[in-house]
Amino acid sequence: MVDPKLVFVAALKACAPGIILSRNRLSGNLNPSAADLQLTRKMKAGGELLDIGRAKNKQALKSLI
């Protein structure tokens, strides 16, 4: 499990304007678990609080997905 505090500490130290997270689904099941959804909410809330990851150019973000 990822610790959001450690992710944001690294992003802040690097003066990163945003972060990209991904998950390797070894089971092959593409549906997010309850823990995945909870972590996603925490990461989103932390990013909004710290003003990290607010995409100004959503088209660029779409091209990465």
Foldseek 3Di string as FASTA:
>chain_A
DDDLVVVVVVCVVVVAQADDDDDDDPVPDPDDDPVRVVVVVVNVVVCVVVNHHPDPDVVVVVVVD
